[in-house]
Amino acid sequence: MRHSHPTDPHAIDLDAVDLRDPALYRNGDPHAVWHAMRHRDPVRWQPIGQGSGFWSVTRYHDIVAVLRDHATFTSEGGTLLTLLGQPDPASRQQLSATDPPRHTEMRAPLQRLLVGRTADRHRELVRAEARRLLEPALGGEPFDIAVAVHRLPVVMFGTLMDLPPADWPRLTELAEMAVAPDDPVHQLSSGAAATQHRAHRELFAYFQDAASRRQKAPGEDLLSTLLTMTVEGAPLGRGAVMANCYLLLIGSTVTVPEVPKAALAELIRSGRYADWAEHPELLESGVEEALRWASPANHVLRYATRPTELRGVPIAEGDAVVVWYGSANRDEEVFDDPYLFDVRRHPNRHLSFGAGPHYCVGFAIARMTLQVLFEEMFAAFEDFQLAGPVEHVASNFVAGITSMPVVGKPRPGHQREAVR
């Protein structure tokens, strides 16, 4: 998704916009749409046909209100636009589709395994992989960094789940097919629906087999935790285990790698790469700004459990309400100069990990992975330049880049052999 710098809120015909359309995020400019909505219609009804539709919420404080009030805006009716108007088979089974108090009990054992100590323990594993994936760029030839960095987060997922490394590339590929089945890079010749169906079928079969093996010899990994945890006095069913394996895969391998892609694209465009690279004390604040800038998950869906209102707009019981993270993270009411990538930004209360009870369970792992990747990138390269067009993902869920060829300028003394 292009990270543009819109200025005119009246430049967009909102009646002609369909925020469900994956093509908008590959070829269009959703930031211009959200900019217009924030200024003209921040709680806007998007009709779909036959009386159905959803509310688009684009202001930061309204989005936080929705995410924090699970009693009024439930996640158990479905969380993504792809399931709009359909029952969610993962309801009360998958962490993201479960409300408190069940959600709280389900989350606790996973949170204990994903805290900062776990992130620190695996830091050098991530560092070695970051060096390996950046190594081809040290020769000064064109290098597709979008493809390379997509391989990084699965290292943590595969390790924490204790899955064979040989399986990691296919799991990443299937995750991409599942969330972006309309994208030509991932779509099978049989079409988007068949692509998503294939990905879901193969992923759930894989996790079913892995769970069956792990059941016989549980350990201290994430999969074993899911298999042995109890919620409301009963163990998770096998379907719930599969659904949460899927959630953890998508959450780690699809969204996290979009952060360095979007950040690097903007650093190249603005000529500000060196400003961050030469100030290691800005690593943490820069990563937070990269998270705000990228906003890798576009949206989340909720359903109103009772009549309510947002900004004076009445919301009926049962209405679908979609919050747009990318819009919240550019809200002028909260962020000064929101279309500036500012590694010194403070405070930076971005919503890229969400808000409320569904705040990303893997936030510590994600932050560590991004910090290590940028550390290694800045240590090895003085700068980057684009070497070809940037191709964006056709998906209304993930704000992503499928291809970004670059040429890196290695720092003196850095050669290919240095990372082998």
Protein backbone atom coordinates (compact mmCIF):
# COMPACT_ATOMS: atom_id res chain seq x y z
CA MET A 1 0.00 0.00 0.00
CA ARG A 2 1.32 3.41 -0.96
CA HIS A 3 2.10 5.68 1.97
CA SER A 4 1.15 8.95 0.36
CA HIS A 5 0.97 12.51 1.71
CA PRO A 6 -2.59 13.71 0.95
CA THR A 7 -3.46 17.37 1.54
CA ASP A 8 -6.93 17.97 0.05
CA PRO A 9 -9.78 16.18 1.87
CA HIS A 10 -12.16 17.14 -0.95
CA ALA A 11 -10.13 15.50 -3.71
CA ILE A 12 -11.83 12.11 -3.22
CA ASP A 13 -15.33 11.10 -4.29
CA LEU A 14 -16.20 9.01 -1.25
CA ASP A 15 -19.32 7.63 -2.90
CA ALA A 16 -17.08 5.96 -5.49
CA VAL A 17 -14.84 4.28 -2.91
CA ASP A 18 -15.08 0.64 -1.85
CA LEU A 19 -12.71 0.00 1.01
CA ARG A 20 -13.23 -3.75 0.65
CA ASP A 21 -11.66 -3.79 -2.81
CA PRO A 22 -8.16 -5.35 -2.67
CA ALA A 23 -7.20 -3.44 -5.82
CA LEU A 24 -7.48 -0.15 -3.92
CA TYR A 25 -4.51 -1.18 -1.77
CA ARG A 26 -2.40 -2.36 -4.70
CA ASN A 27 -3.11 0.37 -7.26
CA GLY A 28 -4.98 3.14 -5.43
CA ASP A 29 -4.42 5.48 -2.50
CA PRO A 30 -6.27 4.45 0.68
CA HIS A 31 -4.46 7.11 2.70
CA ALA A 32 -6.11 9.79 0.59
CA VAL A 33 -9.46 8.09 1.19
CA TRP A 34 -8.95 7.91 4.95
CA HIS A 35 -7.75 11.52 5.00
CA ALA A 36 -10.99 12.58 3.32
CA MET A 37 -13.11 10.45 5.66
CA ARG A 38 -11.46 11.79 8.80
CA HIS A 39 -12.22 15.35 7.74
CA ARG A 40 -15.62 14.88 6.11
CA ASP A 41 -17.27 11.73 7.46
CA PRO A 42 -15.27 9.99 10.21
CA VAL A 43 -18.04 7.47 10.97
CA ARG A 44 -19.23 6.61 7.48
CA TRP A 45 -21.65 3.94 6.28
CA GLN A 46 -20.28 1.84 3.41
CA PRO A 47 -23.23 0.19 1.64
CA ILE A 48 -22.67 -3.15 -0.02
CA GLY A 49 -26.07 -3.95 -1.42
CA GLN A 50 -29.42 -5.36 -0.36
CA GLY A 51 -29.38 -3.22 2.76
CA SER A 52 -26.05 -4.55 4.08
CA GLY A 53 -22.82 -2.73 4.72
CA PHE A 54 -20.53 -1.58 7.48
CA TRP A 55 -19.45 1.52 9.37
CA SER A 56 -15.95 2.80 8.59
CA VAL A 57 -14.33 4.46 11.61
CA THR A 58 -11.28 6.55 10.79
CA ARG A 59 -10.52 8.82 13.79
CA TYR A 60 -8.00 7.66 16.39
CA HIS A 61 -10.06 8.24 19.53
CA ASP A 62 -13.18 6.61 18.05
CA ILE A 63 -11.12 3.58 17.05
CA VAL A 64 -9.66 3.25 20.55
CA ALA A 65 -13.17 3.50 22.00
CA VAL A 66 -14.36 0.64 19.80
CA LEU A 67 -11.37 -1.57 20.55
CA ARG A 68 -11.55 -1.09 24.31
CA ASP A 69 -15.31 -1.62 24.69
CA HIS A 70 -15.74 -5.33 24.03
CA ALA A 71 -19.13 -5.31 25.74
CA THR A 72 -20.52 -2.99 23.06
CA PHE A 73 -18.34 -4.02 20.11
CA THR A 74 -17.79 -7.76 20.08
CA SER A 75 -15.09 -9.65 18.21
CA GLU A 76 -17.04 -12.91 18.35
CA GLY A 77 -19.10 -12.22 15.23
CA GLY A 78 -16.03 -11.99 12.99
CA THR A 79 -12.94 -9.82 12.81
CA LEU A 80 -12.16 -9.37 9.09
CA LEU A 81 -14.07 -7.97 6.12
CA THR A 82 -13.65 -11.25 4.27
CA LEU A 83 -16.17 -12.73 6.74
CA LEU A 84 -18.60 -9.81 6.70
CA GLY A 85 -22.15 -11.05 7.21
CA GLN A 86 -21.04 -14.66 7.74
CA PRO A 87 -20.70 -16.62 10.98
CA ASP A 88 -17.07 -16.84 12.06
CA PRO A 89 -16.11 -20.51 12.54
CA ALA A 90 -13.34 -19.36 14.90
CA SER A 91 -15.75 -17.55 17.23
CA ARG A 92 -14.82 -18.23 20.89
CA GLN A 93 -12.12 -20.61 19.64
CA GLN A 94 -9.46 -18.26 18.27
CA LEU A 95 -7.92 -15.63 20.54
CA SER A 96 -8.75 -12.77 18.17
CA ALA A 97 -12.40 -13.85 17.90
CA THR A 98 -13.04 -14.24 21.63
CA ASP A 99 -14.09 -11.57 24.13
CA PRO A 100 -13.15 -11.34 27.82
CA PRO A 101 -13.36 -13.01 30.23
CA ARG A 102 -12.74 -16.13 28.10
CA HIS A 103 -10.24 -14.21 26.02
CA THR A 104 -8.30 -13.14 29.11
CA GLU A 105 -7.96 -16.71 30.34
CA MET A 106 -6.96 -17.96 26.89
CA ARG A 107 -4.38 -15.21 26.43
CA ALA A 108 -2.56 -15.56 29.76
CA PRO A 109 -0.46 -18.70 29.09
CA LEU A 110 0.49 -17.45 25.63
CA GLN A 111 1.47 -14.06 27.01
CA ARG A 112 3.71 -15.70 29.62
CA LEU A 113 5.59 -17.50 26.84
CA LEU A 114 5.93 -14.40 24.66
CA VAL A 115 7.17 -11.86 27.21
CA GLY A 116 10.37 -9.86 26.88
CA ARG A 117 12.59 -12.57 28.40
CA THR A 118 11.68 -14.90 25.55
CA ALA A 119 12.44 -12.18 23.03
CA ASP A 120 15.84 -11.51 24.60
CA ARG A 121 16.68 -15.21 24.68
CA HIS A 122 16.22 -15.49 20.91
CA ARG A 123 17.77 -12.17 19.92
CA GLU A 124 20.97 -13.69 18.50
CA LEU A 125 18.99 -16.23 16.48
CA VAL A 126 17.15 -13.36 14.80
CA ARG A 127 20.41 -11.45 14.35
CA ALA A 128 22.05 -14.35 12.52
CA GLU A 129 19.05 -14.66 10.19
CA ALA A 130 18.96 -10.89 9.59
CA ARG A 131 22.62 -10.95 8.55
CA ARG A 132 22.00 -13.91 6.29
CA LEU A 133 19.07 -12.34 4.45
CA LEU A 134 20.91 -9.01 3.98
CA GLU A 135 24.10 -10.68 2.77
CA PRO A 136 23.23 -10.74 -0.96
CA ALA A 137 22.97 -6.94 -1.02
CA LEU A 138 26.60 -6.51 0.11
CA GLY A 139 27.81 -7.09 -3.43
CA GLY A 140 26.13 -3.92 -4.67
CA GLU A 141 23.83 -5.68 -7.13
CA PRO A 142 20.05 -5.13 -7.26
CA PHE A 143 18.39 -7.03 -4.44
CA ASP A 144 14.68 -7.49 -3.72
CA ILE A 145 14.58 -6.60 -0.06
CA ALA A 146 10.80 -7.11 0.13
CA VAL A 147 11.21 -10.80 -0.65
CA ALA A 148 14.21 -11.18 1.66
CA VAL A 149 12.78 -9.63 4.84
CA HIS A 150 9.62 -11.69 4.53
CA ARG A 151 11.71 -14.69 5.58
CA LEU A 152 12.74 -13.20 8.93
CA PRO A 153 9.72 -13.42 11.28
CA VAL A 154 9.05 -17.09 10.53
CA VAL A 155 12.34 -17.88 12.28
CA MET A 156 10.82 -16.82 15.59
CA PHE A 157 7.46 -18.43 14.86
CA GLY A 158 9.02 -21.73 13.80
CA THR A 159 11.37 -21.76 16.78
CA LEU A 160 8.71 -20.90 19.36
CA MET A 161 6.37 -23.51 17.89
CA ASP A 162 9.27 -26.00 17.62
CA LEU A 163 8.56 -26.74 13.95
CA PRO A 164 11.16 -28.14 11.49
CA PRO A 165 13.09 -25.35 9.71
CA ALA A 166 12.55 -27.10 6.40
CA ASP A 167 8.82 -26.34 6.73
CA TRP A 168 9.19 -22.60 7.40
CA PRO A 169 9.32 -21.32 3.80
CA ARG A 170 6.12 -23.14 2.82
CA LEU A 171 4.33 -21.89 5.94
CA THR A 172 5.26 -18.31 4.99
CA GLU A 173 4.03 -18.85 1.44
CA LEU A 174 0.72 -20.30 2.63
CA ALA A 175 0.22 -17.43 5.09
CA GLU A 176 0.64 -14.94 2.25
CA MET A 177 -1.86 -16.86 0.11
CA ALA A 178 -4.35 -16.87 2.98
CA VAL A 179 -4.37 -13.10 3.58
CA ALA A 180 -3.79 -11.87 0.02
CA PRO A 181 -5.51 -14.38 -2.28
CA ASP A 182 -6.36 -11.60 -4.77
CA ASP A 183 -2.74 -10.62 -5.25
CA PRO A 184 -1.25 -11.84 -8.55
CA VAL A 185 1.97 -12.85 -6.80
CA HIS A 186 0.15 -15.31 -4.56
CA GLN A 187 -3.00 -16.19 -6.50
CA LEU A 188 -3.38 -19.61 -8.07
CA SER A 189 -4.62 -19.88 -11.65
CA SER A 190 -7.96 -21.12 -10.28
CA GLY A 191 -8.69 -17.75 -8.66
CA ALA A 192 -8.78 -15.97 -5.31
CA ALA A 193 -11.34 -18.18 -3.56
CA ALA A 194 -9.47 -21.32 -4.56
CA THR A 195 -6.18 -19.77 -3.42
CA GLN A 196 -7.49 -19.00 0.03
CA HIS A 197 -9.18 -22.38 0.29
CA ARG A 198 -5.93 -24.17 -0.64
CA ALA A 199 -3.97 -22.15 1.91
CA HIS A 200 -6.45 -22.80 4.70
CA ARG A 201 -6.74 -26.49 3.93
CA GLU A 202 -2.99 -27.03 3.77
CA LEU A 203 -2.24 -24.96 6.87
CA PHE A 204 -4.86 -26.62 9.02
CA ALA A 205 -3.75 -30.07 7.84
CA TYR A 206 -0.15 -29.19 8.66
CA PHE A 207 -0.99 -27.99 12.16
CA GLN A 208 -3.24 -30.98 12.73
CA ASP A 209 -0.36 -33.33 11.96
CA ALA A 210 2.07 -31.28 14.05
CA ALA A 211 -0.37 -31.28 16.98
CA SER A 212 -0.87 -35.03 16.78
CA ARG A 213 2.89 -35.58 17.00
CA ARG A 214 3.35 -33.03 19.78
CA GLN A 215 0.51 -34.51 21.84
CA LYS A 216 2.65 -37.60 22.32
CA ALA A 217 5.68 -35.62 23.52
CA PRO A 218 4.72 -32.11 24.69
CA GLY A 219 7.43 -29.62 25.52
CA GLU A 220 7.64 -25.94 26.49
CA ASP A 221 6.82 -24.52 23.07
CA LEU A 222 3.76 -22.59 21.89
CA LEU A 223 2.10 -25.60 20.29
CA SER A 224 2.46 -27.62 23.48
CA THR A 225 1.03 -24.70 25.45
CA LEU A 226 -2.05 -24.63 23.24
CA LEU A 227 -2.47 -28.40 23.55
CA THR A 228 -2.20 -28.45 27.35
CA MET A 229 -3.93 -25.20 28.40
CA THR A 230 -7.40 -25.12 29.91
CA VAL A 231 -10.01 -22.41 29.47
CA GLU A 232 -13.14 -22.21 31.61
CA GLY A 233 -12.20 -25.52 33.16
CA ALA A 234 -11.80 -27.46 29.92
CA PRO A 235 -8.94 -28.06 27.49
CA LEU A 236 -9.01 -26.33 24.13
CA GLY A 237 -10.58 -28.47 21.46
CA ARG A 238 -8.41 -29.52 18.54
CA GLY A 239 -10.22 -27.04 16.29
CA ALA A 240 -9.35 -24.20 18.67
CA VAL A 241 -5.71 -25.30 18.74
CA MET A 242 -5.59 -25.22 14.93
CA ALA A 243 -7.29 -21.83 14.78
CA ASN A 244 -4.77 -20.31 17.17
CA CYS A 245 -1.81 -21.83 15.38
CA TYR A 246 -3.14 -20.14 12.25
CA LEU A 247 -3.57 -16.83 14.09
CA LEU A 248 -0.03 -16.88 15.49
CA LEU A 249 1.39 -17.70 12.06
CA ILE A 250 -0.47 -14.85 10.35
CA GLY A 251 0.31 -12.40 13.13
CA SER A 252 4.03 -13.05 12.98
CA THR A 253 4.88 -13.83 9.38
CA VAL A 254 2.55 -11.58 7.38
CA THR A 255 2.39 -8.25 9.20
CA VAL A 256 5.80 -7.83 10.88
CA PRO A 257 7.92 -7.87 7.70
CA GLU A 258 5.85 -5.08 6.18
CA VAL A 259 7.25 -2.63 8.74
CA PRO A 260 10.87 -2.51 7.46
CA LYS A 261 9.66 -2.50 3.85
CA ALA A 262 7.42 0.55 4.31
CA ALA A 263 9.99 2.33 6.47
CA LEU A 264 12.86 1.76 4.05
CA ALA A 265 10.74 2.88 1.09
CA GLU A 266 10.04 6.17 2.86
CA LEU A 267 13.64 6.61 4.04
CA ILE A 268 14.81 6.21 0.44
CA ARG A 269 12.14 8.56 -0.89
CA SER A 270 12.87 11.26 1.66
CA GLY A 271 16.64 10.83 1.76
CA ARG A 272 16.52 10.33 5.55
CA TYR A 273 18.15 6.90 5.80
CA ALA A 274 21.48 8.26 7.09
CA ASP A 275 19.77 10.47 9.67
CA TRP A 276 18.45 7.39 11.43
CA ALA A 277 21.36 5.06 10.67
CA GLU A 278 23.89 7.46 12.20
CA HIS A 279 21.96 7.81 15.49
CA PRO A 280 21.83 4.44 17.29
CA GLU A 281 20.22 6.09 20.31
CA LEU A 282 17.12 6.54 18.12
CA LEU A 283 16.71 2.83 17.40
CA GLU A 284 13.73 2.29 19.71
CA SER A 285 11.89 5.49 18.85
CA GLY A 286 12.60 4.87 15.16
CA VAL A 287 11.11 1.38 15.32
CA GLU A 288 7.98 2.79 16.93
CA GLU A 289 7.76 5.34 14.11
CA ALA A 290 8.25 2.56 11.55
CA LEU A 291 5.36 0.68 13.16
CA ARG A 292 3.16 3.79 13.01
CA TRP A 293 4.18 4.52 9.46
CA ALA A 294 3.63 1.01 8.12
CA SER A 295 0.41 0.19 10.03
CA PRO A 296 0.73 -3.30 8.53
CA ALA A 297 -2.73 -4.55 9.52
CA ASN A 298 -5.26 -2.36 7.69
CA HIS A 299 -8.39 -3.08 9.65
CA VAL A 300 -10.29 -5.09 12.21
CA LEU A 301 -14.03 -5.75 12.34
CA ARG A 302 -16.42 -5.66 15.28
CA TYR A 303 -20.22 -6.00 15.66
CA ALA A 304 -22.36 -3.78 17.86
CA THR A 305 -24.05 -5.79 20.59
CA ARG A 306 -26.54 -3.03 21.39
CA PRO A 307 -27.64 0.36 20.07
CA THR A 308 -24.90 2.92 20.57
CA GLU A 309 -23.30 5.90 18.83
CA LEU A 310 -19.91 7.21 17.70
CA ARG A 311 -19.42 10.97 17.25
CA GLY A 312 -23.18 11.34 17.47
CA VAL A 313 -23.78 8.82 14.68
CA PRO A 314 -26.28 6.13 15.77
CA ILE A 315 -25.04 2.54 15.44
CA ALA A 316 -27.72 -0.16 15.50
CA GLU A 317 -27.43 -3.47 17.29
CA GLY A 318 -25.85 -6.00 14.92
CA ASP A 319 -24.17 -3.39 12.71
CA ALA A 320 -20.67 -4.18 11.47
CA VAL A 321 -18.06 -1.62 12.52
CA VAL A 322 -14.65 -1.56 10.81
CA VAL A 323 -11.76 0.40 12.31
CA TRP A 324 -8.86 1.43 10.05
CA TYR A 325 -5.48 1.37 11.77
CA GLY A 326 -3.67 3.18 8.97
CA SER A 327 -6.07 6.08 9.32
CA ALA A 328 -5.75 6.23 13.11
CA ASN A 329 -1.98 6.37 12.80
CA ARG A 330 -2.20 9.43 10.53
CA ASP A 331 -4.84 11.26 12.59
CA GLU A 332 -3.94 14.94 12.81
CA GLU A 333 -5.79 15.19 16.13
CA VAL A 334 -3.17 12.92 17.71
CA PHE A 335 0.03 13.08 15.63
CA ASP A 336 1.76 16.32 14.72
CA ASP A 337 2.75 16.38 11.05
CA PRO A 338 1.47 12.80 10.61
CA TYR A 339 2.77 12.43 7.04
CA LEU A 340 6.35 12.97 8.19
CA PHE A 341 8.42 9.89 9.06
CA ASP A 342 10.05 11.22 12.22
CA VAL A 343 12.34 8.85 14.13
CA ARG A 344 12.40 11.37 16.99
CA ARG A 345 8.61 11.39 17.37
CA HIS A 346 7.50 11.50 21.00
CA PRO A 347 5.02 10.59 22.23
CA ASN A 348 4.08 7.97 19.68
CA ARG A 349 0.93 6.16 20.79
CA HIS A 350 0.38 4.35 17.50
CA LEU A 351 -2.22 1.60 17.17
CA SER A 352 -0.23 -0.84 15.06
CA PHE A 353 -0.48 -3.40 17.86
CA GLY A 354 -4.12 -2.53 18.46
CA ALA A 355 -5.62 -1.39 21.77
CA GLY A 356 -7.67 -2.83 24.58
CA PRO A 357 -7.91 -6.53 25.43
CA HIS A 358 -6.83 -7.62 21.94
CA TYR A 359 -3.50 -5.74 22.03
CA CYS A 360 -1.07 -7.90 20.05
CA VAL A 361 0.07 -10.83 22.17
CA GLY A 362 3.41 -10.99 20.34
CA PHE A 363 4.34 -7.31 20.65
CA ALA A 364 7.64 -7.96 22.48
CA ILE A 365 8.81 -10.48 19.87
CA ALA A 366 7.83 -8.14 17.04
CA ARG A 367 9.68 -5.16 18.54
CA MET A 368 12.81 -7.21 19.15
CA THR A 369 12.79 -8.62 15.60
CA LEU A 370 12.46 -5.16 14.08
CA GLN A 371 15.13 -3.63 16.31
CA VAL A 372 17.62 -6.34 15.39
CA LEU A 373 16.89 -6.07 11.68
CA PHE A 374 17.38 -2.30 11.64
CA GLU A 375 20.54 -2.63 13.77
CA GLU A 376 22.03 -5.03 11.25
CA MET A 377 20.89 -2.98 8.26
CA PHE A 378 22.41 0.22 9.62
CA ALA A 379 25.63 -1.54 10.61
CA ALA A 380 26.14 -2.98 7.13
CA PHE A 381 24.82 -0.27 4.80
CA GLU A 382 25.37 3.47 4.49
CA ASP A 383 22.34 3.89 2.27
CA PHE A 384 19.96 2.27 -0.22
CA GLN A 385 18.53 3.33 -3.55
CA LEU A 386 15.57 1.91 -5.43
CA ALA A 387 16.52 -0.26 -8.38
CA GLY A 388 13.04 -0.85 -9.79
CA PRO A 389 9.33 -0.27 -9.20
CA VAL A 390 7.73 -0.96 -5.84
CA GLU A 391 4.85 -3.43 -6.12
CA HIS A 392 2.11 -3.36 -3.48
CA VAL A 393 -0.06 -6.16 -2.11
CA ALA A 394 -3.64 -6.50 -3.29
CA SER A 395 -5.27 -7.03 0.10
CA ASN A 396 -7.69 -5.07 2.26
CA PHE A 397 -6.14 -6.66 5.37
CA VAL A 398 -2.37 -6.34 5.02
CA ALA A 399 -0.69 -3.08 3.97
CA GLY A 400 2.20 -4.66 2.16
CA ILE A 401 4.84 -4.66 -0.53
CA THR A 402 5.52 -7.74 -2.65
CA SER A 403 8.57 -6.42 -4.51
CA MET A 404 11.06 -3.60 -3.83
CA PRO A 405 14.37 -3.96 -5.69
CA VAL A 406 17.13 -1.90 -4.10
CA VAL A 407 20.86 -1.38 -4.38
CA GLY A 408 22.67 -1.07 -1.08
CA LYS A 409 25.82 0.94 -0.41
CA PRO A 410 27.85 -1.21 2.01
CA ARG A 411 29.87 0.45 4.73
CA PRO A 412 33.65 0.23 4.32
CA GLY A 413 34.93 -3.12 5.49
CA HIS A 414 31.65 -4.96 4.99
CA GLN A 415 31.99 -7.77 2.49
CA ARG A 416 29.97 -10.88 1.79
CA GLU A 417 32.43 -13.00 3.75
CA ALA A 418 31.82 -10.91 6.87
CA VAL A 419 28.39 -12.45 7.43
CA ARG A 420 29.15 -16.03 6.50
